[in-house]
Every structure is written in structure tokens, then in C-alpha cells.
N, C-alpha and C. Protein backbone atom coordinates (compact mmCIF):
# COMPACT_ATOMS: atom_id res chain seq x y z
N UNK A 1 -12.07 0.27 65.43
CA UNK A 1 -13.01 0.92 66.36
C UNK A 1 -12.79 2.43 66.35
N UNK A 2 -13.86 3.15 66.26
CA UNK A 2 -13.76 4.61 66.26
C UNK A 2 -13.76 5.13 67.68
N UNK A 3 -12.80 5.95 68.01
CA UNK A 3 -12.68 6.49 69.37
C UNK A 3 -13.30 7.88 69.42
N UNK A 4 -14.19 8.07 70.37
CA UNK A 4 -14.82 9.37 70.54
C UNK A 4 -13.92 10.27 71.37
N UNK A 5 -13.60 11.41 70.85
CA UNK A 5 -12.74 12.37 71.54
C UNK A 5 -13.61 13.49 72.10
N UNK A 6 -13.54 13.65 73.39
CA UNK A 6 -14.32 14.70 74.03
C UNK A 6 -13.63 16.03 73.82
N UNK A 7 -14.31 17.03 73.26
CA UNK A 7 -13.69 18.34 73.09
C UNK A 7 -13.21 18.89 74.42
N UNK A 8 -12.07 19.58 74.44
CA UNK A 8 -11.51 20.09 75.70
C UNK A 8 -12.48 20.97 76.48
N UNK A 9 -13.26 21.78 75.77
CA UNK A 9 -14.18 22.69 76.48
C UNK A 9 -15.34 21.94 77.12
N UNK A 10 -15.64 20.73 76.60
CA UNK A 10 -16.77 19.98 77.15
C UNK A 10 -16.43 19.36 78.50
N UNK A 11 -15.14 19.07 78.74
CA UNK A 11 -14.77 18.42 79.99
C UNK A 11 -15.01 19.30 81.21
N UNK A 12 -14.56 20.58 81.20
CA UNK A 12 -14.88 21.42 82.36
C UNK A 12 -16.37 21.60 82.58
N UNK A 13 -17.13 21.68 81.46
CA UNK A 13 -18.58 21.82 81.61
C UNK A 13 -19.18 20.58 82.25
N UNK A 14 -18.68 19.42 81.86
CA UNK A 14 -19.19 18.18 82.45
C UNK A 14 -18.86 18.11 83.93
N UNK A 15 -17.65 18.53 84.30
CA UNK A 15 -17.27 18.53 85.72
C UNK A 15 -18.13 19.50 86.51
N UNK A 16 -18.38 20.68 85.92
CA UNK A 16 -19.22 21.66 86.61
C UNK A 16 -20.64 21.13 86.81
N UNK A 17 -21.15 20.41 85.81
CA UNK A 17 -22.49 19.83 85.94
C UNK A 17 -22.53 18.79 87.04
N UNK A 18 -21.49 17.94 87.10
CA UNK A 18 -21.45 16.89 88.13
C UNK A 18 -21.34 17.47 89.53
N UNK A 19 -20.56 18.53 89.68
CA UNK A 19 -20.35 19.06 91.02
C UNK A 19 -21.59 19.72 91.59
N UNK A 20 -22.57 20.03 90.73
CA UNK A 20 -23.82 20.62 91.22
C UNK A 20 -24.87 19.56 91.56
N UNK A 21 -24.55 18.29 91.32
CA UNK A 21 -25.51 17.23 91.63
C UNK A 21 -25.77 17.15 93.14
N UNK A 22 -24.69 17.23 93.94
CA UNK A 22 -24.87 17.11 95.40
C UNK A 22 -25.66 18.27 95.97
N UNK A 23 -25.27 19.54 95.71
CA UNK A 23 -26.08 20.63 96.29
C UNK A 23 -27.51 20.64 95.79
N UNK A 24 -27.72 20.28 94.52
CA UNK A 24 -29.09 20.24 94.01
C UNK A 24 -29.90 19.16 94.74
N UNK A 25 -29.28 18.01 94.97
CA UNK A 25 -29.96 16.94 95.70
C UNK A 25 -30.28 17.36 97.13
N UNK A 26 -29.35 18.08 97.76
CA UNK A 26 -29.57 18.54 99.13
C UNK A 26 -30.71 19.57 99.19
N UNK A 27 -30.76 20.45 98.20
CA UNK A 27 -31.85 21.43 98.16
C UNK A 27 -33.20 20.74 97.96
N UNK A 28 -33.22 19.72 97.12
CA UNK A 28 -34.47 18.97 96.91
C UNK A 28 -34.87 18.22 98.17
N UNK A 29 -33.88 17.65 98.86
CA UNK A 29 -34.18 16.90 100.08
C UNK A 29 -34.73 17.82 101.17
N UNK A 30 -34.24 19.05 101.21
CA UNK A 30 -34.69 19.99 102.24
C UNK A 30 -35.95 20.74 101.85
N UNK A 31 -36.47 20.50 100.63
CA UNK A 31 -37.60 21.29 100.14
C UNK A 31 -38.84 21.14 101.02
N UNK A 32 -39.15 19.90 101.43
CA UNK A 32 -40.37 19.69 102.22
C UNK A 32 -40.31 20.39 103.57
N UNK A 33 -39.26 20.19 104.39
CA UNK A 33 -39.22 20.92 105.66
C UNK A 33 -39.14 22.44 105.50
N UNK A 34 -38.45 22.91 104.45
CA UNK A 34 -38.36 24.35 104.22
C UNK A 34 -39.73 24.93 103.87
N UNK A 35 -40.44 24.26 102.98
CA UNK A 35 -41.78 24.73 102.59
C UNK A 35 -42.75 24.63 103.76
N UNK A 36 -42.65 23.55 104.53
CA UNK A 36 -43.53 23.40 105.70
C UNK A 36 -43.26 24.51 106.71
N UNK A 37 -41.99 24.86 106.88
CA UNK A 37 -41.65 25.95 107.79
C UNK A 37 -42.18 27.29 107.30
N UNK A 38 -42.09 27.52 105.99
CA UNK A 38 -42.60 28.77 105.42
C UNK A 38 -44.11 28.88 105.63
N UNK A 39 -44.81 27.77 105.44
CA UNK A 39 -46.26 27.77 105.67
C UNK A 39 -46.59 28.01 107.13
N UNK A 40 -45.78 27.45 108.03
CA UNK A 40 -46.00 27.65 109.46
C UNK A 40 -45.82 29.13 109.82
N UNK A 41 -44.76 29.75 109.32
CA UNK A 41 -44.53 31.16 109.61
C UNK A 41 -45.63 32.03 109.04
N UNK A 42 -46.10 31.69 107.84
CA UNK A 42 -47.19 32.45 107.23
C UNK A 42 -48.45 32.36 108.07
N UNK A 43 -48.73 31.16 108.57
CA UNK A 43 -49.91 30.96 109.41
C UNK A 43 -49.80 31.77 110.71
N UNK A 44 -48.62 31.75 111.32
CA UNK A 44 -48.44 32.50 112.56
C UNK A 44 -48.54 34.01 112.33
N UNK A 45 -47.97 34.48 111.22
CA UNK A 45 -47.97 35.92 110.94
C UNK A 45 -49.37 36.43 110.58
N UNK A 46 -50.15 35.58 109.90
CA UNK A 46 -51.47 36.02 109.44
C UNK A 46 -52.57 35.72 110.44
N UNK A 47 -52.21 35.07 111.57
CA UNK A 47 -53.23 34.73 112.56
C UNK A 47 -54.18 33.67 112.07
N UNK A 48 -53.63 32.57 111.57
CA UNK A 48 -54.45 31.48 111.04
C UNK A 48 -55.28 30.79 112.13
N UNK A 49 -56.03 29.81 111.70
CA UNK A 49 -56.90 29.08 112.62
C UNK A 49 -56.07 28.30 113.64
N UNK A 50 -56.48 28.39 114.89
CA UNK A 50 -55.81 27.66 115.97
C UNK A 50 -56.50 26.31 116.13
N UNK A 51 -55.71 25.25 116.07
CA UNK A 51 -56.22 23.89 116.21
C UNK A 51 -55.44 23.21 117.34
N UNK A 52 -55.93 22.06 117.81
CA UNK A 52 -55.15 21.35 118.84
C UNK A 52 -53.74 21.00 118.38
N UNK A 53 -53.54 20.82 117.07
CA UNK A 53 -52.22 20.45 116.55
C UNK A 53 -51.24 21.62 116.53
N UNK A 54 -51.74 22.85 116.38
CA UNK A 54 -50.83 23.99 116.28
C UNK A 54 -50.96 25.00 117.41
N UNK A 55 -51.80 24.69 118.38
CA UNK A 55 -52.04 25.67 119.46
C UNK A 55 -50.76 26.05 120.19
N UNK A 56 -49.85 25.09 120.36
CA UNK A 56 -48.62 25.38 121.09
C UNK A 56 -47.77 26.43 120.38
N UNK A 57 -47.82 26.46 119.05
CA UNK A 57 -47.04 27.43 118.30
C UNK A 57 -47.61 28.84 118.45
N UNK A 58 -48.93 28.95 118.48
CA UNK A 58 -49.55 30.26 118.66
C UNK A 58 -49.37 30.75 120.09
N UNK A 59 -49.38 29.82 121.05
CA UNK A 59 -49.20 30.21 122.45
C UNK A 59 -47.79 30.71 122.72
N UNK A 60 -46.80 30.13 122.05
CA UNK A 60 -45.40 30.52 122.25
C UNK A 60 -44.70 30.44 120.90
N UNK A 61 -44.79 31.51 120.08
CA UNK A 61 -44.28 31.44 118.71
C UNK A 61 -42.77 31.61 118.58
N UNK A 62 -42.08 32.15 119.60
CA UNK A 62 -40.66 32.47 119.45
C UNK A 62 -39.79 31.26 119.14
N UNK A 63 -39.88 30.15 119.90
CA UNK A 63 -39.00 29.02 119.60
C UNK A 63 -39.19 28.44 118.20
N UNK A 64 -40.44 28.31 117.75
CA UNK A 64 -40.66 27.73 116.42
C UNK A 64 -40.22 28.70 115.33
N UNK A 65 -40.38 30.00 115.57
CA UNK A 65 -39.92 30.99 114.59
C UNK A 65 -38.41 30.95 114.46
N UNK A 66 -37.71 30.93 115.58
CA UNK A 66 -36.25 30.83 115.53
C UNK A 66 -35.80 29.54 114.86
N UNK A 67 -36.51 28.46 115.15
CA UNK A 67 -36.15 27.16 114.58
C UNK A 67 -36.29 27.18 113.06
N UNK A 68 -37.39 27.71 112.57
CA UNK A 68 -37.64 27.72 111.13
C UNK A 68 -36.65 28.62 110.42
N UNK A 69 -36.44 29.82 110.94
CA UNK A 69 -35.51 30.76 110.29
C UNK A 69 -34.08 30.21 110.32
N UNK A 70 -33.65 29.72 111.49
CA UNK A 70 -32.31 29.18 111.61
C UNK A 70 -32.10 27.96 110.74
N UNK A 71 -33.03 27.01 110.79
CA UNK A 71 -32.89 25.77 110.03
C UNK A 71 -32.96 26.02 108.52
N UNK A 72 -33.88 26.90 108.09
CA UNK A 72 -34.00 27.19 106.66
C UNK A 72 -32.73 27.83 106.12
N UNK A 73 -32.20 28.80 106.84
CA UNK A 73 -30.94 29.43 106.43
C UNK A 73 -29.83 28.41 106.36
N UNK A 74 -29.76 27.56 107.36
CA UNK A 74 -28.69 26.56 107.44
C UNK A 74 -28.78 25.55 106.30
N UNK A 75 -29.97 25.03 106.03
CA UNK A 75 -30.13 24.01 105.01
C UNK A 75 -29.89 24.56 103.61
N UNK A 76 -30.45 25.72 103.31
CA UNK A 76 -30.33 26.27 101.95
C UNK A 76 -28.92 26.78 101.68
N UNK A 77 -28.40 27.62 102.56
CA UNK A 77 -27.06 28.15 102.35
C UNK A 77 -26.01 27.05 102.46
N UNK A 78 -26.23 26.10 103.37
CA UNK A 78 -25.26 25.03 103.57
C UNK A 78 -25.10 24.14 102.37
N UNK A 79 -26.14 23.99 101.55
CA UNK A 79 -26.04 23.12 100.37
C UNK A 79 -24.96 23.62 99.41
N UNK A 80 -24.78 24.94 99.33
CA UNK A 80 -23.81 25.50 98.39
C UNK A 80 -22.37 25.35 98.88
N UNK A 81 -22.19 24.99 100.15
CA UNK A 81 -20.84 24.73 100.65
C UNK A 81 -20.28 23.42 100.09
N UNK A 82 -21.13 22.62 99.46
CA UNK A 82 -20.70 21.36 98.88
C UNK A 82 -20.31 21.50 97.40
N UNK A 83 -20.21 22.73 96.91
CA UNK A 83 -19.77 22.97 95.54
C UNK A 83 -18.26 23.21 95.56
N UNK A 84 -17.44 22.28 95.06
CA UNK A 84 -15.98 22.42 95.15
C UNK A 84 -15.45 23.70 94.53
N UNK A 85 -16.00 24.11 93.38
CA UNK A 85 -15.47 25.30 92.71
C UNK A 85 -15.70 26.56 93.54
N UNK A 86 -16.81 26.63 94.29
CA UNK A 86 -17.05 27.78 95.15
C UNK A 86 -16.02 27.84 96.27
N UNK A 87 -15.70 26.69 96.84
CA UNK A 87 -14.72 26.66 97.91
C UNK A 87 -13.32 27.00 97.41
N UNK A 88 -12.99 26.49 96.22
CA UNK A 88 -11.63 26.66 95.72
C UNK A 88 -11.39 28.01 95.06
N UNK A 89 -12.36 28.46 94.27
CA UNK A 89 -12.17 29.72 93.54
C UNK A 89 -12.62 30.94 94.32
N UNK A 90 -13.49 30.72 95.28
CA UNK A 90 -14.02 31.85 96.05
C UNK A 90 -13.92 31.55 97.55
N UNK A 91 -12.71 31.42 98.08
CA UNK A 91 -12.56 31.08 99.49
C UNK A 91 -13.17 32.12 100.43
N UNK A 92 -13.18 33.38 99.99
CA UNK A 92 -13.77 34.42 100.84
C UNK A 92 -15.27 34.19 100.99
N UNK A 93 -15.95 33.78 99.90
CA UNK A 93 -17.37 33.46 100.00
C UNK A 93 -17.58 32.30 100.97
N UNK A 94 -16.73 31.28 100.85
CA UNK A 94 -16.86 30.10 101.72
C UNK A 94 -16.74 30.50 103.19
N UNK A 95 -15.79 31.39 103.48
CA UNK A 95 -15.61 31.82 104.88
C UNK A 95 -16.79 32.67 105.35
N UNK A 96 -17.26 33.58 104.50
CA UNK A 96 -18.39 34.44 104.88
C UNK A 96 -19.66 33.60 105.09
N UNK A 97 -19.87 32.64 104.19
CA UNK A 97 -21.04 31.76 104.34
C UNK A 97 -20.95 30.98 105.64
N UNK A 98 -19.74 30.52 105.98
CA UNK A 98 -19.56 29.78 107.23
C UNK A 98 -19.89 30.61 108.45
N UNK A 99 -19.60 31.91 108.38
CA UNK A 99 -19.91 32.79 109.51
C UNK A 99 -21.41 32.99 109.70
N UNK A 100 -22.17 32.73 108.66
CA UNK A 100 -23.63 32.74 108.78
C UNK A 100 -24.15 31.36 109.16
N UNK A 101 -23.54 30.33 108.58
CA UNK A 101 -24.05 28.97 108.75
C UNK A 101 -23.93 28.47 110.18
N UNK A 102 -22.79 28.70 110.81
CA UNK A 102 -22.61 28.15 112.16
C UNK A 102 -23.61 28.77 113.14
N UNK A 103 -23.77 30.12 113.18
CA UNK A 103 -24.82 30.66 114.06
C UNK A 103 -26.22 30.17 113.69
N UNK A 104 -26.52 30.09 112.39
CA UNK A 104 -27.84 29.62 111.97
C UNK A 104 -28.08 28.19 112.41
N UNK A 105 -27.06 27.35 112.25
CA UNK A 105 -27.18 25.96 112.69
C UNK A 105 -27.36 25.83 114.19
N UNK A 106 -26.62 26.65 114.94
CA UNK A 106 -26.75 26.62 116.40
C UNK A 106 -28.13 27.08 116.83
N UNK A 107 -28.65 28.12 116.18
CA UNK A 107 -30.00 28.60 116.50
C UNK A 107 -31.03 27.53 116.17
N UNK A 108 -30.90 26.90 114.99
CA UNK A 108 -31.84 25.86 114.60
C UNK A 108 -31.84 24.69 115.57
N UNK A 109 -30.64 24.23 115.96
CA UNK A 109 -30.55 23.08 116.87
C UNK A 109 -31.02 23.44 118.28
N UNK A 110 -30.57 24.58 118.80
CA UNK A 110 -30.93 24.98 120.16
C UNK A 110 -32.42 25.25 120.30
N UNK A 111 -33.01 25.89 119.29
CA UNK A 111 -34.45 26.17 119.35
C UNK A 111 -35.26 24.88 119.22
N UNK A 112 -34.72 23.90 118.48
CA UNK A 112 -35.38 22.59 118.43
C UNK A 112 -35.42 21.93 119.79
N UNK A 113 -34.32 22.03 120.53
CA UNK A 113 -34.29 21.49 121.90
C UNK A 113 -35.22 22.29 122.81
N UNK A 114 -35.29 23.59 122.60
CA UNK A 114 -36.20 24.44 123.38
C UNK A 114 -37.64 23.98 123.17
N UNK A 115 -38.01 23.75 121.92
CA UNK A 115 -39.37 23.30 121.63
C UNK A 115 -39.66 21.96 122.30
N UNK A 116 -38.67 21.06 122.26
CA UNK A 116 -38.84 19.75 122.90
C UNK A 116 -39.06 19.90 124.40
N UNK A 117 -38.40 20.89 125.00
CA UNK A 117 -38.47 21.07 126.45
C UNK A 117 -39.73 21.77 126.91
N UNK A 118 -40.23 22.77 126.13
CA UNK A 118 -41.29 23.63 126.66
C UNK A 118 -42.67 23.37 126.05
N UNK A 119 -42.72 22.81 124.85
CA UNK A 119 -44.02 22.63 124.23
C UNK A 119 -44.76 21.43 124.79
N UNK A 120 -46.07 21.54 124.80
CA UNK A 120 -46.94 20.41 125.16
C UNK A 120 -47.08 19.56 123.91
N UNK A 121 -46.24 18.53 123.80
CA UNK A 121 -46.12 17.76 122.56
C UNK A 121 -47.30 16.81 122.37
N UNK A 122 -47.65 16.54 121.11
CA UNK A 122 -48.73 15.57 120.85
C UNK A 122 -48.31 14.16 121.24
N UNK A 123 -49.28 13.27 121.30
CA UNK A 123 -49.02 11.90 121.77
C UNK A 123 -48.00 11.18 120.89
N UNK A 124 -48.01 11.46 119.59
CA UNK A 124 -47.08 10.77 118.69
C UNK A 124 -45.63 11.21 118.91
N UNK A 125 -45.43 12.30 119.64
CA UNK A 125 -44.07 12.77 119.95
C UNK A 125 -43.63 12.36 121.34
N UNK A 126 -44.34 11.41 121.92
CA UNK A 126 -44.01 10.95 123.27
C UNK A 126 -43.03 9.80 123.26
N UNK A 127 -43.05 9.02 124.32
CA UNK A 127 -42.14 7.89 124.45
C UNK A 127 -40.69 8.33 124.53
N UNK A 128 -39.84 7.68 123.74
CA UNK A 128 -38.41 7.98 123.75
C UNK A 128 -38.02 9.06 122.75
N UNK A 129 -38.99 9.55 121.96
CA UNK A 129 -38.64 10.53 120.93
C UNK A 129 -38.01 11.81 121.48
N UNK A 130 -38.54 12.39 122.58
CA UNK A 130 -37.86 13.58 123.11
C UNK A 130 -36.39 13.32 123.47
N UNK A 131 -36.11 12.15 124.04
CA UNK A 131 -34.73 11.82 124.37
C UNK A 131 -33.87 11.71 123.11
N UNK A 132 -34.40 11.08 122.08
CA UNK A 132 -33.67 10.95 120.82
C UNK A 132 -33.39 12.33 120.22
N UNK A 133 -34.38 13.21 120.29
CA UNK A 133 -34.18 14.57 119.77
C UNK A 133 -33.08 15.30 120.54
N UNK A 134 -33.05 15.11 121.84
CA UNK A 134 -31.98 15.72 122.64
C UNK A 134 -30.62 15.17 122.24
N UNK A 135 -30.54 13.88 122.01
CA UNK A 135 -29.26 13.27 121.64
C UNK A 135 -28.74 13.86 120.34
N UNK A 136 -29.57 13.89 119.31
CA UNK A 136 -29.10 14.37 118.02
C UNK A 136 -28.99 15.90 117.98
N UNK A 137 -29.85 16.59 118.73
CA UNK A 137 -29.72 18.05 118.80
C UNK A 137 -28.41 18.46 119.44
N UNK A 138 -28.07 17.82 120.55
CA UNK A 138 -26.79 18.11 121.21
C UNK A 138 -25.61 17.68 120.35
N UNK A 139 -25.79 16.56 119.62
CA UNK A 139 -24.72 16.11 118.72
C UNK A 139 -24.47 17.14 117.61
N UNK A 140 -25.53 17.73 117.08
CA UNK A 140 -25.36 18.75 116.05
C UNK A 140 -24.65 19.98 116.60
N UNK A 141 -25.05 20.42 117.79
CA UNK A 141 -24.39 21.56 118.41
C UNK A 141 -22.92 21.27 118.64
N UNK A 142 -22.61 20.07 119.14
CA UNK A 142 -21.22 19.69 119.39
C UNK A 142 -20.42 19.67 118.08
N UNK A 143 -21.01 19.14 117.00
CA UNK A 143 -20.32 19.08 115.72
C UNK A 143 -20.03 20.48 115.19
N UNK A 144 -20.97 21.39 115.34
CA UNK A 144 -20.76 22.77 114.89
C UNK A 144 -19.65 23.45 115.69
N UNK A 145 -19.67 23.26 116.98
CA UNK A 145 -18.64 23.87 117.83
C UNK A 145 -17.27 23.28 117.51
N UNK A 146 -17.19 21.97 117.34
CA UNK A 146 -15.92 21.33 117.01
C UNK A 146 -15.45 21.74 115.61
N UNK A 147 -16.39 21.96 114.70
CA UNK A 147 -16.03 22.45 113.38
C UNK A 147 -15.44 23.83 113.45
N UNK A 148 -16.00 24.69 114.30
CA UNK A 148 -15.48 26.05 114.48
C UNK A 148 -14.10 26.02 115.13
N UNK A 149 -13.94 25.19 116.16
CA UNK A 149 -12.64 25.08 116.82
C UNK A 149 -11.59 24.57 115.84
N UNK A 150 -11.95 23.60 115.02
CA UNK A 150 -11.00 23.02 114.08
C UNK A 150 -10.52 24.03 113.05
N UNK A 151 -11.44 24.83 112.51
CA UNK A 151 -11.01 25.79 111.49
C UNK A 151 -10.16 26.90 112.11
N UNK A 152 -10.42 27.26 113.35
CA UNK A 152 -9.58 28.25 114.01
C UNK A 152 -8.18 27.72 114.24
N UNK A 153 -8.06 26.42 114.40
CA UNK A 153 -6.74 25.80 114.55
C UNK A 153 -6.13 25.45 113.20
N UNK A 154 -6.85 25.78 112.12
CA UNK A 154 -6.41 25.49 110.75
C UNK A 154 -6.29 23.98 110.51
N UNK A 155 -7.13 23.23 111.18
CA UNK A 155 -7.23 21.79 110.95
C UNK A 155 -8.40 21.56 109.99
N UNK A 156 -8.13 21.77 108.71
CA UNK A 156 -9.20 21.88 107.73
C UNK A 156 -9.89 20.55 107.46
N UNK A 157 -9.15 19.45 107.51
CA UNK A 157 -9.79 18.14 107.31
C UNK A 157 -10.79 17.85 108.43
N UNK A 158 -10.39 18.14 109.67
CA UNK A 158 -11.30 17.94 110.80
C UNK A 158 -12.50 18.88 110.71
N UNK A 159 -12.24 20.13 110.29
CA UNK A 159 -13.32 21.10 110.12
C UNK A 159 -14.35 20.58 109.12
N UNK A 160 -13.85 20.10 107.99
CA UNK A 160 -14.75 19.59 106.96
C UNK A 160 -15.57 18.41 107.48
N UNK A 161 -14.92 17.50 108.20
CA UNK A 161 -15.62 16.33 108.71
C UNK A 161 -16.72 16.72 109.69
N UNK A 162 -16.42 17.62 110.62
CA UNK A 162 -17.43 18.01 111.62
C UNK A 162 -18.59 18.76 110.98
N UNK A 163 -18.29 19.59 109.98
CA UNK A 163 -19.36 20.34 109.33
C UNK A 163 -20.26 19.42 108.50
N UNK A 164 -19.68 18.39 107.89
CA UNK A 164 -20.50 17.42 107.15
C UNK A 164 -21.42 16.67 108.11
N UNK A 165 -20.87 16.29 109.26
CA UNK A 165 -21.71 15.59 110.26
C UNK A 165 -22.86 16.49 110.75
N UNK A 166 -22.54 17.75 111.02
CA UNK A 166 -23.58 18.67 111.50
C UNK A 166 -24.66 18.85 110.45
N UNK A 167 -24.26 19.00 109.19
CA UNK A 167 -25.26 19.19 108.13
C UNK A 167 -26.10 17.93 107.95
N UNK A 168 -25.47 16.77 108.09
CA UNK A 168 -26.22 15.51 107.96
C UNK A 168 -27.32 15.42 109.01
N UNK A 169 -27.02 15.86 110.22
CA UNK A 169 -28.05 15.85 111.28
C UNK A 169 -29.14 16.85 110.96
N UNK A 170 -28.74 18.05 110.52
CA UNK A 170 -29.72 19.09 110.25
C UNK A 170 -30.68 18.75 109.13
N UNK A 171 -30.16 18.16 108.06
CA UNK A 171 -31.00 17.88 106.89
C UNK A 171 -31.79 16.58 107.05
N UNK A 172 -31.63 15.92 108.18
CA UNK A 172 -32.41 14.70 108.43
C UNK A 172 -33.90 14.97 108.42
N UNK A 173 -34.30 16.22 108.63
CA UNK A 173 -35.73 16.55 108.54
C UNK A 173 -36.29 16.18 107.17
N UNK A 174 -35.45 16.31 106.13
CA UNK A 174 -35.89 15.90 104.80
C UNK A 174 -35.91 14.40 104.65
N UNK A 175 -34.89 13.73 105.15
CA UNK A 175 -34.84 12.27 105.08
C UNK A 175 -36.00 11.65 105.84
N UNK A 176 -36.37 12.26 106.96
CA UNK A 176 -37.44 11.71 107.79
C UNK A 176 -38.80 11.75 107.11
N UNK A 177 -38.94 12.60 106.10
CA UNK A 177 -40.17 12.56 105.30
C UNK A 177 -40.33 11.18 104.67
N UNK A 178 -39.21 10.60 104.20
CA UNK A 178 -39.25 9.30 103.53
C UNK A 178 -39.27 8.15 104.53
N UNK A 179 -38.58 8.29 105.67
CA UNK A 179 -38.57 7.19 106.64
C UNK A 179 -39.89 7.06 107.37
N UNK A 180 -40.66 8.13 107.46
CA UNK A 180 -41.99 8.04 108.09
C UNK A 180 -43.07 7.61 107.11
N UNK A 181 -42.77 7.72 105.81
CA UNK A 181 -43.79 7.45 104.79
C UNK A 181 -44.38 6.04 104.86
N UNK A 182 -43.57 4.98 105.06
CA UNK A 182 -44.17 3.64 105.12
C UNK A 182 -45.24 3.51 106.20
N UNK A 183 -44.98 4.09 107.37
CA UNK A 183 -45.98 4.03 108.45
C UNK A 183 -47.21 4.86 108.12
N UNK A 184 -47.00 6.01 107.48
CA UNK A 184 -48.13 6.86 107.12
C UNK A 184 -49.04 6.16 106.11
N UNK A 185 -48.45 5.34 105.25
CA UNK A 185 -49.24 4.66 104.22
C UNK A 185 -49.90 3.38 104.71
N UNK A 186 -49.45 2.90 105.87
CA UNK A 186 -49.96 1.62 106.36
C UNK A 186 -50.67 1.73 107.71
N UNK A 187 -51.21 2.89 108.01
CA UNK A 187 -52.01 2.99 109.22
C UNK A 187 -51.66 4.13 110.15
N UNK A 188 -50.66 4.91 109.83
CA UNK A 188 -50.34 6.07 110.66
C UNK A 188 -49.25 5.81 111.66
N UNK A 189 -48.83 6.90 112.31
CA UNK A 189 -47.73 6.85 113.26
C UNK A 189 -48.24 6.87 114.69
N UNK A 190 -47.61 6.06 115.54
CA UNK A 190 -47.77 6.22 116.98
C UNK A 190 -46.41 6.63 117.53
N UNK A 191 -46.30 6.75 118.83
CA UNK A 191 -45.05 7.24 119.43
C UNK A 191 -43.88 6.33 119.11
N UNK A 192 -44.11 5.02 119.14
CA UNK A 192 -43.02 4.07 118.89
C UNK A 192 -42.55 4.11 117.45
N UNK A 193 -43.49 4.04 116.51
CA UNK A 193 -43.11 4.03 115.09
C UNK A 193 -42.50 5.36 114.68
N UNK A 194 -42.97 6.47 115.23
CA UNK A 194 -42.39 7.76 114.88
C UNK A 194 -40.97 7.87 115.42
N UNK A 195 -40.75 7.36 116.62
CA UNK A 195 -39.39 7.36 117.17
C UNK A 195 -38.44 6.56 116.29
N UNK A 196 -38.89 5.38 115.85
CA UNK A 196 -38.06 4.55 114.98
C UNK A 196 -37.79 5.24 113.64
N UNK A 197 -38.83 5.84 113.07
CA UNK A 197 -38.68 6.48 111.76
C UNK A 197 -37.76 7.70 111.84
N UNK A 198 -37.91 8.51 112.88
CA UNK A 198 -37.07 9.69 113.03
C UNK A 198 -35.62 9.29 113.29
N UNK A 199 -35.43 8.31 114.16
CA UNK A 199 -34.08 7.83 114.45
C UNK A 199 -33.41 7.29 113.20
N UNK A 200 -34.16 6.53 112.40
CA UNK A 200 -33.62 5.97 111.17
C UNK A 200 -33.15 7.08 110.24
N UNK A 201 -33.89 8.17 110.16
CA UNK A 201 -33.48 9.29 109.31
C UNK A 201 -32.14 9.87 109.73
N UNK A 202 -31.96 10.08 111.03
CA UNK A 202 -30.69 10.62 111.52
C UNK A 202 -29.55 9.62 111.30
N UNK A 203 -29.80 8.35 111.58
CA UNK A 203 -28.75 7.34 111.46
C UNK A 203 -28.33 7.17 110.00
N UNK A 204 -29.28 7.13 109.09
CA UNK A 204 -28.96 7.01 107.67
C UNK A 204 -28.09 8.17 107.20
N UNK A 205 -28.48 9.37 107.58
CA UNK A 205 -27.71 10.55 107.16
C UNK A 205 -26.29 10.53 107.70
N UNK A 206 -26.15 10.15 108.97
CA UNK A 206 -24.81 10.10 109.55
C UNK A 206 -23.97 8.99 108.91
N UNK A 207 -24.60 7.89 108.54
CA UNK A 207 -23.87 6.82 107.86
C UNK A 207 -23.34 7.30 106.51
N UNK A 208 -24.16 8.03 105.77
CA UNK A 208 -23.71 8.59 104.49
C UNK A 208 -22.60 9.61 104.72
N UNK A 209 -22.76 10.45 105.76
CA UNK A 209 -21.74 11.45 106.07
C UNK A 209 -20.41 10.80 106.37
N UNK A 210 -20.42 9.74 107.17
CA UNK A 210 -19.16 9.06 107.51
C UNK A 210 -18.53 8.42 106.27
N UNK A 211 -19.36 7.91 105.37
CA UNK A 211 -18.81 7.33 104.13
C UNK A 211 -18.13 8.40 103.29
N UNK A 212 -18.74 9.58 103.22
CA UNK A 212 -18.15 10.69 102.47
C UNK A 212 -16.84 11.13 103.11
N UNK A 213 -16.83 11.23 104.42
CA UNK A 213 -15.62 11.66 105.14
C UNK A 213 -14.49 10.66 104.94
N UNK A 214 -14.79 9.38 105.06
CA UNK A 214 -13.76 8.34 104.89
C UNK A 214 -13.22 8.33 103.46
N UNK A 215 -14.10 8.55 102.51
CA UNK A 215 -13.67 8.55 101.12
C UNK A 215 -12.72 9.71 100.83
N UNK A 216 -12.93 10.84 101.51
CA UNK A 216 -12.09 12.01 101.27
C UNK A 216 -10.82 12.00 102.09
N UNK A 217 -10.73 11.11 103.09
CA UNK A 217 -9.55 11.06 103.95
C UNK A 217 -8.44 10.28 103.25
N UNK A 218 -7.26 10.88 103.07
CA UNK A 218 -6.15 10.17 102.40
C UNK A 218 -5.74 8.93 103.20
N UNK A 219 -5.51 7.85 102.48
CA UNK A 219 -5.07 6.62 103.12
C UNK A 219 -3.57 6.65 103.34
N UNK A 220 -3.15 6.18 104.51
CA UNK A 220 -1.73 6.18 104.83
C UNK A 220 -1.08 4.86 104.42
């Protein structure tokens, strides 16, 4: 049997290619909410047509603007924190990015709660959905704060775990595109189905986050 020998230079290249799979996947997952946010900001800035669906944003643009800017910064910049070589070879970049990410994440989560509290929401956002948004919004804020406290105490494993959980909640906007799709294709969303679909997106992301955290935790 002939044994294939991988050239030494090919191995680091293969590892570098693999380590970019996760951030690339995260950027693709966040593409829809990021693009939707960019279109929303463009519409608000250019004075687009006011419709019953978007009137609340034109009436009070500050919360949605903060939400889009904060969430977009958090999702895009946060994806690169999952590149091991950036964390290991460029720790200063990792720390500087974190100083942007935590405020951006807090702004994104807090402004999302603000919108839930003050906007006149459409019928499909009724029922238990506002409560669910409060639960996960507060959970994201708590995870970010605990992540900050952990790194200040130099508890790096705890810091990593809390930041993964916070990012999982934040990027659920991308996952929810897929969890709402079955209802959209089979007759549309009402308040109940939208609540289920949105909740499923957050729960799925947190389940994946916990699996990643457990896998990285050394077994005793």
C-alpha cells in the first residue's frame, strides 16, 4: 500500500483553512439580519416611504438605529474572535476587539429591549413574544457582564464560556430566518407560530454554544 505523505508546509495551511470555517459560517449566518439592518438605516436616512409596517421606526428612529449599529458591529467583529490564531498570535487585537464588542453587544441587546417596550408592535409580535424577547435580551446582557467580570478576574475559561453564550443569543437573528421559514412557506406567521419560531432559534443556538463549551472544558 502506498502511503501519502502530507508535505510539512501543507499542514499549517490546512489548519488555517479549517479554523476559518467557524467565523465564515457565522458571517454567513448573520448576513440576512445585517443586510436587513443596512436597508432599514438607508430607508430611514433617505426618508423612504412610510407604511404601517415601518411607521414606528420613522416616528422614533433612535432605538432601531442603535440596535442595528450595535448588533451589526457585534455580529461581524465577534465572528473573528472565533479564529484561534488571532487570539493566540495577536492577544492585543483580541483584547481591543473585546473592548468594542462588549459595549456593542450591550447596546444591541438594550436597544432591542427598548424597542420591545416602546414600539407599537404588529399583531404577529404579540402574545408571549415580548416576554420571550425580554428573557433572552436580559440573558445576553447578563452573559456579557459576567464575561467582563470573569476576564477582569483572569478567569479565562469562564470568560470564554459567557462570551460564547452571549454571541449565541445575539446571532440568533440569523438562525431565526431559518426557524421561521417553514411557517412562511406554509401560510404565514401569527403571534403563536412566530413566538415558537423565534424561541426555537435562541434555544438551538444556546444548545450549540453549550456543546462547544463542554467540548473545550478539560475533563477531570
